[in-house]
Amino acid sequence: MDPTPKKEGAEGTSASSVRTDTPTPAPAPKKRATRTRRVRQAARTPGSAVPVPEPGPDGKHDLKQHAYYLNRELTWLNFNFRVLHEASDDRVPLLERLKFLAIVSSNLDEFFMKRVGGLKQQIGAGMTELTVDGRTPEMQVQEAIELVRELELRKRQTFQTVHGLLQKLDIEIHTYDEVTDGERAWLRK
């Protein structure tokens, strides 16, 4: 008897399938791009170095530990560090880098209007209750301000670099007041 399994064909005839006793070699693992490793290392942000909680003596994790939870405001700022990293990456086209800088600036404006504004309202209402990540509204504002200072410093440094590269290509950045009425009309089109 033939040990090879039979496969029924489309027209009712049997066709033998190929069977080998040697295993098919697994495809070679793909090499990770060097860029990925470099991005992960360079994109580390000041607030991203949070220690991983250890289980208790019984091997179980206490989910009441604050270290298990992320803070909504601080993770939003850390996201903006990663966006800023794209602006500082010289492999990204120059005008795209400028767009990433604009995105970070816009995000920070919104952050202060909405998120810090909401925290300030909580502080004004006298809320001192800890969030699930173990912070009061006041602590969140203080930590956010520290991260924003670092983010702004990096953003300014990145802008100076990008601006210098744009100038070498005769691309100028003007303030609204420096633009003529004719240029404003052209820009609106």
N, C-alpha and C. Protein backbone atom coordinates (compact mmCIF):
# COMPACT_ATOMS: atom_id res chain seq x y z
N MET A 1 0.84 -1.18 0.00
CA MET A 1 0.00 0.00 0.00
C MET A 1 0.88 1.24 0.00
N ASP A 2 0.49 2.24 -0.76
CA ASP A 2 1.26 3.47 -0.90
C ASP A 2 1.01 4.37 0.30
N PRO A 3 2.10 4.76 1.06
CA PRO A 3 1.91 5.61 2.24
C PRO A 3 1.62 7.06 1.87
N THR A 4 1.77 7.41 0.62
CA THR A 4 1.55 8.79 0.22
C THR A 4 0.06 9.09 0.21
N PRO A 5 -0.37 10.15 0.90
CA PRO A 5 -1.80 10.46 0.92
C PRO A 5 -2.26 10.88 -0.47
N LYS A 6 -3.47 10.51 -0.79
CA LYS A 6 -4.04 10.85 -2.09
C LYS A 6 -4.90 12.10 -1.95
N LYS A 7 -4.88 12.88 -3.00
CA LYS A 7 -5.68 14.10 -3.02
C LYS A 7 -6.67 13.97 -4.16
N GLU A 8 -7.89 14.21 -3.89
CA GLU A 8 -8.92 14.09 -4.89
C GLU A 8 -8.85 15.29 -5.82
N GLY A 9 -8.73 15.07 -7.09
CA GLY A 9 -8.63 16.15 -8.06
C GLY A 9 -9.99 16.78 -8.30
N ALA A 10 -9.97 17.80 -9.13
CA ALA A 10 -11.19 18.55 -9.40
C ALA A 10 -12.19 17.73 -10.20
N GLU A 11 -11.70 16.78 -11.00
CA GLU A 11 -12.60 16.02 -11.85
C GLU A 11 -12.83 14.62 -11.31
N GLY A 12 -12.57 14.36 -10.06
CA GLY A 12 -12.82 13.07 -9.45
C GLY A 12 -11.68 12.09 -9.61
N THR A 13 -10.60 12.47 -10.28
CA THR A 13 -9.45 11.58 -10.41
C THR A 13 -8.54 11.81 -9.24
N SER A 14 -7.80 10.81 -8.82
CA SER A 14 -6.90 11.00 -7.70
C SER A 14 -5.53 11.39 -8.21
N ALA A 15 -4.93 12.32 -7.50
CA ALA A 15 -3.59 12.77 -7.84
C ALA A 15 -2.74 12.63 -6.60
N SER A 16 -1.56 12.10 -6.78
CA SER A 16 -0.65 11.94 -5.64
C SER A 16 -0.03 13.27 -5.29
N SER A 17 0.03 13.55 -4.01
CA SER A 17 0.74 14.75 -3.59
C SER A 17 2.18 14.36 -3.28
N VAL A 18 3.05 15.30 -3.41
CA VAL A 18 4.47 15.04 -3.18
C VAL A 18 4.71 15.01 -1.69
N ARG A 19 5.43 13.98 -1.25
CA ARG A 19 5.73 13.87 0.17
C ARG A 19 7.21 13.61 0.33
N THR A 20 7.83 14.35 1.21
CA THR A 20 9.24 14.12 1.49
C THR A 20 9.40 13.86 2.97
N ASP A 21 10.39 13.04 3.28
CA ASP A 21 10.64 12.75 4.69
C ASP A 21 11.58 13.77 5.32
N THR A 22 12.20 14.61 4.51
CA THR A 22 13.09 15.62 5.06
C THR A 22 12.31 16.90 5.27
N PRO A 23 12.50 17.52 6.41
CA PRO A 23 11.74 18.75 6.67
C PRO A 23 12.20 19.88 5.75
N THR A 24 11.26 20.73 5.41
CA THR A 24 11.58 21.89 4.59
C THR A 24 12.34 22.87 5.46
N PRO A 25 13.49 23.34 4.96
CA PRO A 25 14.25 24.28 5.80
C PRO A 25 13.47 25.57 6.00
N ALA A 26 13.57 26.08 7.20
CA ALA A 26 12.89 27.33 7.52
C ALA A 26 13.58 28.46 6.78
N PRO A 27 12.82 29.44 6.34
CA PRO A 27 13.47 30.57 5.67
C PRO A 27 14.39 31.29 6.64
N ALA A 28 15.46 31.82 6.06
CA ALA A 28 16.44 32.53 6.89
C ALA A 28 15.76 33.73 7.53
N PRO A 29 16.04 33.99 8.81
CA PRO A 29 15.41 35.14 9.45
C PRO A 29 15.86 36.42 8.77
N LYS A 30 14.91 37.32 8.63
CA LYS A 30 15.22 38.60 7.99
C LYS A 30 16.05 39.43 8.95
N LYS A 31 17.05 40.08 8.38
CA LYS A 31 17.86 40.97 9.20
C LYS A 31 17.06 42.23 9.46
N ARG A 32 17.09 42.67 10.67
CA ARG A 32 16.44 43.93 10.98
C ARG A 32 17.29 45.05 10.42
N ALA A 33 16.61 46.04 9.94
CA ALA A 33 17.32 47.18 9.37
C ALA A 33 18.07 47.92 10.47
N THR A 34 19.23 48.40 10.12
CA THR A 34 20.03 49.16 11.08
C THR A 34 19.27 50.40 11.51
N ARG A 35 18.50 50.97 10.58
CA ARG A 35 17.75 52.18 10.89
C ARG A 35 16.81 51.95 12.06
N THR A 36 16.14 50.78 12.11
CA THR A 36 15.20 50.50 13.18
C THR A 36 15.90 50.54 14.53
N ARG A 37 17.06 49.90 14.59
CA ARG A 37 17.78 49.89 15.87
C ARG A 37 18.21 51.30 16.24
N ARG A 38 18.68 52.04 15.24
CA ARG A 38 19.13 53.39 15.51
C ARG A 38 17.98 54.28 15.96
N VAL A 39 16.84 54.15 15.33
CA VAL A 39 15.68 54.95 15.70
C VAL A 39 15.26 54.63 17.12
N ARG A 40 15.21 53.35 17.45
CA ARG A 40 14.78 52.98 18.80
C ARG A 40 15.73 53.54 19.85
N GLN A 41 17.02 53.52 19.56
CA GLN A 41 17.97 54.04 20.53
C GLN A 41 17.86 55.56 20.63
N ALA A 42 17.77 56.22 19.49
CA ALA A 42 17.76 57.68 19.49
C ALA A 42 16.43 58.24 19.96
N ALA A 43 15.35 57.48 19.82
CA ALA A 43 14.03 57.99 20.17
C ALA A 43 13.71 57.85 21.65
N ARG A 44 14.66 57.41 22.45
CA ARG A 44 14.41 57.31 23.88
C ARG A 44 14.10 58.71 24.41
N THR A 45 13.12 58.78 25.23
CA THR A 45 12.69 60.07 25.74
C THR A 45 12.93 60.15 27.23
N PRO A 46 13.00 61.35 27.76
CA PRO A 46 13.29 61.49 29.19
C PRO A 46 12.34 60.73 30.09
N GLY A 47 11.07 60.66 29.74
CA GLY A 47 10.09 60.00 30.59
C GLY A 47 9.87 58.54 30.28
N SER A 48 10.67 57.98 29.36
CA SER A 48 10.39 56.60 28.94
C SER A 48 11.16 55.55 29.74
N ALA A 49 12.00 55.96 30.66
CA ALA A 49 12.79 55.01 31.42
C ALA A 49 12.09 54.65 32.73
N VAL A 50 10.96 53.95 32.60
CA VAL A 50 10.19 53.54 33.77
C VAL A 50 10.55 52.10 34.09
N PRO A 51 10.94 51.80 35.33
CA PRO A 51 11.31 50.43 35.66
C PRO A 51 10.10 49.48 35.59
N VAL A 52 10.36 48.27 35.16
CA VAL A 52 9.31 47.26 35.09
C VAL A 52 9.08 46.70 36.49
N PRO A 53 7.84 46.66 36.94
CA PRO A 53 7.57 46.15 38.29
C PRO A 53 7.90 44.65 38.40
N GLU A 54 8.36 44.26 39.54
CA GLU A 54 8.70 42.86 39.81
C GLU A 54 7.52 42.18 40.51
N PRO A 55 7.34 40.90 40.25
CA PRO A 55 6.27 40.19 40.98
C PRO A 55 6.65 40.04 42.45
N GLY A 56 5.63 39.82 43.26
CA GLY A 56 5.85 39.64 44.70
C GLY A 56 6.47 38.28 44.98
N PRO A 57 6.72 37.97 46.26
CA PRO A 57 7.35 36.69 46.63
C PRO A 57 6.53 35.48 46.19
N ASP A 58 5.22 35.67 46.05
CA ASP A 58 4.37 34.56 45.62
C ASP A 58 4.34 34.41 44.10
N GLY A 59 5.08 35.27 43.38
CA GLY A 59 5.14 35.20 41.92
C GLY A 59 4.02 35.95 41.23
N LYS A 60 3.13 36.56 42.01
CA LYS A 60 2.01 37.28 41.42
C LYS A 60 2.31 38.78 41.37
N HIS A 61 1.71 39.44 40.40
CA HIS A 61 1.88 40.88 40.24
C HIS A 61 0.75 41.60 40.97
N ASP A 62 1.10 42.62 41.71
CA ASP A 62 0.12 43.44 42.40
C ASP A 62 -0.31 44.56 41.46
N LEU A 63 -1.48 44.44 40.88
CA LEU A 63 -1.94 45.40 39.89
C LEU A 63 -2.32 46.75 40.49
N LYS A 64 -2.17 46.89 41.80
CA LYS A 64 -2.41 48.19 42.44
C LYS A 64 -1.15 49.05 42.41
N GLN A 65 -0.02 48.47 41.99
CA GLN A 65 1.22 49.23 41.90
C GLN A 65 1.09 50.28 40.80
N HIS A 66 1.49 51.49 41.10
CA HIS A 66 1.38 52.59 40.15
C HIS A 66 2.27 52.37 38.92
N ALA A 67 3.36 51.64 39.08
CA ALA A 67 4.31 51.46 37.98
C ALA A 67 3.72 50.69 36.80
N TYR A 68 2.62 50.02 36.98
CA TYR A 68 1.99 49.28 35.89
C TYR A 68 1.22 50.18 34.93
N TYR A 69 1.02 51.42 35.29
CA TYR A 69 0.14 52.30 34.52
C TYR A 69 0.90 53.49 33.95
N LEU A 70 0.49 53.90 32.77
CA LEU A 70 1.09 55.04 32.09
C LEU A 70 0.24 56.28 32.34
N ASN A 71 0.89 57.41 32.36
CA ASN A 71 0.18 58.67 32.53
C ASN A 71 -0.17 59.22 31.15
N ARG A 72 -1.40 59.58 30.99
CA ARG A 72 -1.92 60.05 29.70
C ARG A 72 -1.15 61.28 29.20
N GLU A 73 -0.92 62.24 30.06
CA GLU A 73 -0.25 63.48 29.66
C GLU A 73 1.23 63.23 29.31
N LEU A 74 1.91 62.47 30.15
CA LEU A 74 3.34 62.25 29.94
C LEU A 74 3.60 61.36 28.73
N THR A 75 2.74 60.40 28.47
CA THR A 75 2.94 59.56 27.28
C THR A 75 2.68 60.36 26.01
N TRP A 76 1.78 61.34 26.08
CA TRP A 76 1.54 62.20 24.92
C TRP A 76 2.79 63.02 24.62
N LEU A 77 3.45 63.52 25.66
CA LEU A 77 4.69 64.26 25.45
C LEU A 77 5.78 63.35 24.91
N ASN A 78 5.85 62.12 25.42
CA ASN A 78 6.85 61.18 24.91
C ASN A 78 6.61 60.86 23.44
N PHE A 79 5.36 60.78 23.03
CA PHE A 79 5.04 60.60 21.61
C PHE A 79 5.62 61.75 20.79
N ASN A 80 5.54 62.96 21.32
CA ASN A 80 6.06 64.11 20.58
C ASN A 80 7.58 64.10 20.49
N PHE A 81 8.25 63.48 21.44
CA PHE A 81 9.69 63.29 21.30
C PHE A 81 9.98 62.40 20.09
N ARG A 82 9.15 61.39 19.88
CA ARG A 82 9.35 60.51 18.74
C ARG A 82 9.06 61.22 17.42
N VAL A 83 8.06 62.10 17.41
CA VAL A 83 7.79 62.90 16.21
C VAL A 83 8.97 63.83 15.95
N LEU A 84 9.50 64.43 17.00
CA LEU A 84 10.64 65.32 16.86
C LEU A 84 11.86 64.56 16.35
N HIS A 85 11.98 63.32 16.74
CA HIS A 85 13.11 62.52 16.26
C HIS A 85 13.06 62.40 14.72
N GLU A 86 11.86 62.27 14.17
CA GLU A 86 11.73 62.23 12.71
C GLU A 86 12.24 63.52 12.09
N ALA A 87 12.02 64.64 12.75
CA ALA A 87 12.49 65.93 12.24
C ALA A 87 14.00 66.04 12.28
N SER A 88 14.63 65.31 13.17
CA SER A 88 16.08 65.38 13.28
C SER A 88 16.80 64.30 12.48
N ASP A 89 16.05 63.42 11.86
CA ASP A 89 16.62 62.31 11.08
C ASP A 89 17.02 62.82 9.70
N ASP A 90 18.32 62.81 9.42
CA ASP A 90 18.80 63.36 8.14
C ASP A 90 18.43 62.50 6.94
N ARG A 91 17.86 61.34 7.14
CA ARG A 91 17.39 60.52 6.01
C ARG A 91 16.00 60.91 5.57
N VAL A 92 15.31 61.71 6.38
CA VAL A 92 13.97 62.20 6.04
C VAL A 92 14.15 63.43 5.15
N PRO A 93 13.36 63.53 4.06
CA PRO A 93 13.48 64.72 3.19
C PRO A 93 13.32 66.01 4.00
N LEU A 94 14.04 67.03 3.57
CA LEU A 94 14.16 68.27 4.34
C LEU A 94 12.82 68.95 4.63
N LEU A 95 11.95 69.07 3.63
CA LEU A 95 10.67 69.73 3.89
C LEU A 95 9.77 68.87 4.77
N GLU A 96 9.93 67.56 4.72
CA GLU A 96 9.19 66.67 5.64
C GLU A 96 9.67 66.91 7.07
N ARG A 97 10.96 67.13 7.23
CA ARG A 97 11.49 67.41 8.56
C ARG A 97 10.87 68.68 9.13
N LEU A 98 10.70 69.67 8.25
CA LEU A 98 10.07 70.92 8.67
C LEU A 98 8.61 70.67 9.08
N LYS A 99 7.93 69.79 8.35
CA LYS A 99 6.55 69.45 8.72
C LYS A 99 6.49 68.78 10.08
N PHE A 100 7.44 67.89 10.37
CA PHE A 100 7.45 67.24 11.69
C PHE A 100 7.66 68.27 12.80
N LEU A 101 8.51 69.26 12.55
CA LEU A 101 8.69 70.33 13.54
C LEU A 101 7.38 71.09 13.76
N ALA A 102 6.66 71.35 12.68
CA ALA A 102 5.38 72.05 12.79
C ALA A 102 4.36 71.21 13.56
N ILE A 103 4.38 69.90 13.33
CA ILE A 103 3.45 69.01 14.05
C ILE A 103 3.73 69.05 15.54
N VAL A 104 5.00 69.00 15.92
CA VAL A 104 5.35 69.06 17.34
C VAL A 104 4.87 70.37 17.95
N SER A 105 5.10 71.48 17.23
CA SER A 105 4.67 72.79 17.75
C SER A 105 3.17 72.85 17.92
N SER A 106 2.44 72.36 16.93
CA SER A 106 0.98 72.35 17.00
C SER A 106 0.50 71.47 18.15
N ASN A 107 1.12 70.30 18.31
CA ASN A 107 0.74 69.39 19.40
C ASN A 107 0.97 70.02 20.77
N LEU A 108 2.07 70.76 20.91
CA LEU A 108 2.36 71.40 22.20
C LEU A 108 1.36 72.51 22.50
N ASP A 109 0.96 73.25 21.46
CA ASP A 109 -0.07 74.28 21.66
C ASP A 109 -1.35 73.64 22.20
N GLU A 110 -1.77 72.57 21.53
CA GLU A 110 -2.98 71.88 21.95
C GLU A 110 -2.82 71.28 23.35
N PHE A 111 -1.64 70.74 23.64
CA PHE A 111 -1.37 70.14 24.94
C PHE A 111 -1.61 71.14 26.06
N PHE A 112 -1.09 72.36 25.88
CA PHE A 112 -1.25 73.35 26.94
C PHE A 112 -2.68 73.86 27.01
N MET A 113 -3.32 74.01 25.87
CA MET A 113 -4.69 74.52 25.89
C MET A 113 -5.65 73.52 26.53
N LYS A 114 -5.52 72.27 26.17
CA LYS A 114 -6.50 71.27 26.62
C LYS A 114 -6.05 70.51 27.87
N ARG A 115 -4.92 69.86 27.76
CA ARG A 115 -4.53 68.95 28.84
C ARG A 115 -4.02 69.67 30.08
N VAL A 116 -3.10 70.61 29.89
CA VAL A 116 -2.61 71.35 31.06
C VAL A 116 -3.73 72.24 31.60
N GLY A 117 -4.56 72.77 30.71
CA GLY A 117 -5.71 73.56 31.17
C GLY A 117 -6.63 72.73 32.05
N GLY A 118 -6.88 71.49 31.66
CA GLY A 118 -7.72 70.61 32.47
C GLY A 118 -7.10 70.28 33.81
N LEU A 119 -5.79 70.06 33.81
CA LEU A 119 -5.09 69.79 35.08
C LEU A 119 -5.14 71.01 36.00
N LYS A 120 -4.99 72.19 35.42
CA LYS A 120 -5.04 73.42 36.23
C LYS A 120 -6.43 73.60 36.84
N GLN A 121 -7.46 73.21 36.09
CA GLN A 121 -8.82 73.29 36.66
C GLN A 121 -8.96 72.33 37.83
N GLN A 122 -8.37 71.15 37.71
CA GLN A 122 -8.41 70.18 38.81
C GLN A 122 -7.67 70.72 40.03
N ILE A 123 -6.52 71.35 39.79
CA ILE A 123 -5.75 71.93 40.90
C ILE A 123 -6.57 73.04 41.55
N GLY A 124 -7.19 73.89 40.72
CA GLY A 124 -8.03 74.99 41.23
C GLY A 124 -9.21 74.49 42.04
N ALA A 125 -9.71 73.30 41.69
CA ALA A 125 -10.85 72.73 42.42
C ALA A 125 -10.40 72.00 43.68
N GLY A 126 -9.09 71.97 43.92
CA GLY A 126 -8.56 71.35 45.13
C GLY A 126 -8.44 69.84 45.07
N MET A 127 -8.43 69.27 43.87
CA MET A 127 -8.30 67.81 43.75
C MET A 127 -6.87 67.39 44.08
N THR A 128 -6.76 66.47 45.02
CA THR A 128 -5.45 65.95 45.40
C THR A 128 -5.40 64.43 45.30
N GLU A 129 -6.46 63.86 44.78
CA GLU A 129 -6.55 62.40 44.65
C GLU A 129 -5.53 61.90 43.61
N LEU A 130 -4.91 60.77 43.92
CA LEU A 130 -3.93 60.20 43.00
C LEU A 130 -4.64 59.50 41.83
N THR A 131 -4.05 59.65 40.65
CA THR A 131 -4.55 58.90 39.51
C THR A 131 -4.04 57.47 39.63
N VAL A 132 -4.46 56.60 38.71
CA VAL A 132 -4.07 55.20 38.77
C VAL A 132 -2.55 55.02 38.65
N ASP A 133 -1.88 56.00 38.05
CA ASP A 133 -0.41 55.93 37.92
C ASP A 133 0.30 56.61 39.09
N GLY A 134 -0.45 57.05 40.09
CA GLY A 134 0.14 57.54 41.33
C GLY A 134 0.53 59.01 41.33
N ARG A 135 -0.13 59.84 40.55
CA ARG A 135 0.22 61.25 40.48
C ARG A 135 -1.00 62.11 40.80
N THR A 136 -0.75 63.24 41.47
CA THR A 136 -1.79 64.24 41.66
C THR A 136 -1.78 65.14 40.42
N PRO A 137 -2.82 65.94 40.22
CA PRO A 137 -2.80 66.88 39.09
C PRO A 137 -1.58 67.81 39.14
N GLU A 138 -1.21 68.26 40.32
CA GLU A 138 -0.05 69.15 40.44
C GLU A 138 1.25 68.44 40.04
N MET A 139 1.39 67.19 40.45
CA MET A 139 2.58 66.42 40.07
C MET A 139 2.64 66.24 38.55
N GLN A 140 1.48 66.02 37.94
CA GLN A 140 1.43 65.84 36.49
C GLN A 140 1.87 67.12 35.77
N VAL A 141 1.42 68.26 36.27
CA VAL A 141 1.81 69.54 35.65
C VAL A 141 3.31 69.74 35.79
N GLN A 142 3.86 69.48 36.97
CA GLN A 142 5.30 69.67 37.18
C GLN A 142 6.13 68.76 36.27
N GLU A 143 5.75 67.48 36.19
CA GLU A 143 6.49 66.55 35.33
C GLU A 143 6.33 66.92 33.86
N ALA A 144 5.14 67.38 33.49
CA ALA A 144 4.91 67.79 32.10
C ALA A 144 5.78 68.99 31.75
N ILE A 145 5.88 69.94 32.65
CA ILE A 145 6.70 71.13 32.39
C ILE A 145 8.16 70.74 32.21
N GLU A 146 8.66 69.82 33.01
CA GLU A 146 10.04 69.35 32.85
C GLU A 146 10.25 68.72 31.48
N LEU A 147 9.32 67.88 31.06
CA LEU A 147 9.44 67.24 29.75
C LEU A 147 9.32 68.26 28.62
N VAL A 148 8.43 69.23 28.77
CA VAL A 148 8.26 70.24 27.72
C VAL A 148 9.52 71.09 27.59
N ARG A 149 10.17 71.39 28.69
CA ARG A 149 11.43 72.16 28.61
C ARG A 149 12.46 71.41 27.77
N GLU A 150 12.60 70.11 28.02
CA GLU A 150 13.54 69.30 27.25
C GLU A 150 13.10 69.20 25.79
N LEU A 151 11.81 69.03 25.57
CA LEU A 151 11.28 68.93 24.21
C LEU A 151 11.51 70.23 23.45
N GLU A 152 11.25 71.35 24.08
CA GLU A 152 11.46 72.66 23.44
C GLU A 152 12.93 72.89 23.12
N LEU A 153 13.82 72.49 24.01
CA LEU A 153 15.25 72.64 23.76
C LEU A 153 15.65 71.84 22.52
N ARG A 154 15.23 70.59 22.47
CA ARG A 154 15.55 69.75 21.31
C ARG A 154 14.89 70.28 20.04
N LYS A 155 13.70 70.81 20.18
CA LYS A 155 12.99 71.34 19.02
C LYS A 155 13.73 72.55 18.45
N ARG A 156 14.20 73.44 19.33
CA ARG A 156 14.95 74.61 18.87
C ARG A 156 16.24 74.19 18.17
N GLN A 157 16.96 73.23 18.76
CA GLN A 157 18.20 72.75 18.15
C GLN A 157 17.94 72.13 16.78
N THR A 158 16.87 71.35 16.69
CA THR A 158 16.53 70.71 15.42
C THR A 158 16.12 71.76 14.39
N PHE A 159 15.35 72.77 14.82
CA PHE A 159 14.94 73.82 13.89
C PHE A 159 16.15 74.57 13.36
N GLN A 160 17.10 74.88 14.22
CA GLN A 160 18.30 75.59 13.77
C GLN A 160 19.04 74.78 12.71
N THR A 161 19.13 73.47 12.91
CA THR A 161 19.80 72.62 11.93
C THR A 161 19.03 72.61 10.61
N VAL A 162 17.72 72.38 10.69
CA VAL A 162 16.88 72.32 9.48
C VAL A 162 16.88 73.68 8.78
N HIS A 163 16.78 74.75 9.53
CA HIS A 163 16.77 76.09 8.95
C HIS A 163 18.07 76.36 8.20
N GLY A 164 19.18 75.97 8.79
CA GLY A 164 20.48 76.15 8.12
C GLY A 164 20.56 75.37 6.81
N LEU A 165 20.03 74.16 6.80
CA LEU A 165 20.03 73.35 5.57
C LEU A 165 19.11 73.96 4.51
N LEU A 166 17.98 74.52 4.94
CA LEU A 166 17.07 75.18 4.01
C LEU A 166 17.73 76.42 3.39
N GLN A 167 18.45 77.18 4.20
CA GLN A 167 19.12 78.38 3.70
C GLN A 167 20.17 78.02 2.64
N LYS A 168 20.86 76.91 2.84
CA LYS A 168 21.85 76.47 1.84
C LYS A 168 21.21 76.18 0.49
N LEU A 169 19.92 75.83 0.52
CA LEU A 169 19.18 75.55 -0.71
C LEU A 169 18.37 76.77 -1.18
N ASP A 170 18.66 77.94 -0.59
CA ASP A 170 17.95 79.19 -0.91
C ASP A 170 16.46 79.12 -0.63
N ILE A 171 16.08 78.37 0.39
CA ILE A 171 14.69 78.32 0.83
C ILE A 171 14.61 79.17 2.10
N GLU A 172 13.76 80.19 2.04
CA GLU A 172 13.68 81.13 3.15
C GLU A 172 12.39 80.94 3.94
N ILE A 173 12.45 81.23 5.21
CA ILE A 173 11.28 81.21 6.08
C ILE A 173 11.05 82.64 6.54
N HIS A 174 9.84 83.14 6.29
CA HIS A 174 9.51 84.51 6.66
C HIS A 174 8.35 84.53 7.65
N THR A 175 8.32 85.57 8.46
CA THR A 175 7.17 85.77 9.34
C THR A 175 6.04 86.38 8.51
N TYR A 176 4.86 86.36 9.03
CA TYR A 176 3.69 86.90 8.32
C TYR A 176 3.89 88.38 8.00
N ASP A 177 4.50 89.12 8.92
CA ASP A 177 4.71 90.56 8.72
C ASP A 177 5.71 90.84 7.60
N GLU A 178 6.59 89.91 7.32
CA GLU A 178 7.60 90.11 6.27
C GLU A 178 7.07 89.82 4.86
N VAL A 179 5.90 89.23 4.77
CA VAL A 179 5.34 88.85 3.48
C VAL A 179 4.51 90.02 2.94
N THR A 180 4.68 90.33 1.65
CA THR A 180 3.94 91.43 1.04
C THR A 180 2.48 91.04 0.80
N ASP A 181 1.66 92.03 0.52
CA ASP A 181 0.24 91.77 0.24
C ASP A 181 0.08 90.87 -0.98
N GLY A 182 0.89 91.10 -2.00
CA GLY A 182 0.84 90.28 -3.21
C GLY A 182 1.21 88.84 -2.91
N GLU A 183 2.22 88.64 -2.06
CA GLU A 183 2.63 87.29 -1.70
C GLU A 183 1.56 86.59 -0.85
N ARG A 184 0.91 87.36 0.00
CA ARG A 184 -0.18 86.80 0.82
C ARG A 184 -1.34 86.33 -0.07
N ALA A 185 -1.66 87.15 -1.07
CA ALA A 185 -2.73 86.77 -2.01
C ALA A 185 -2.34 85.51 -2.76
N TRP A 186 -1.09 85.42 -3.19
CA TRP A 186 -0.61 84.22 -3.92
C TRP A 186 -0.67 82.99 -3.02
N LEU A 187 -0.31 83.15 -1.75
CA LEU A 187 -0.33 82.02 -0.81
C LEU A 187 -1.75 81.53 -0.52
N ARG A 188 -2.73 82.41 -0.60
CA ARG A 188 -4.11 82.02 -0.33
C ARG A 188 -4.70 81.19 -1.45
N LYS A 189 -4.13 81.30 -2.66
CA LYS A 189 -4.67 80.57 -3.81
C LYS A 189 -4.45 79.10 -3.71
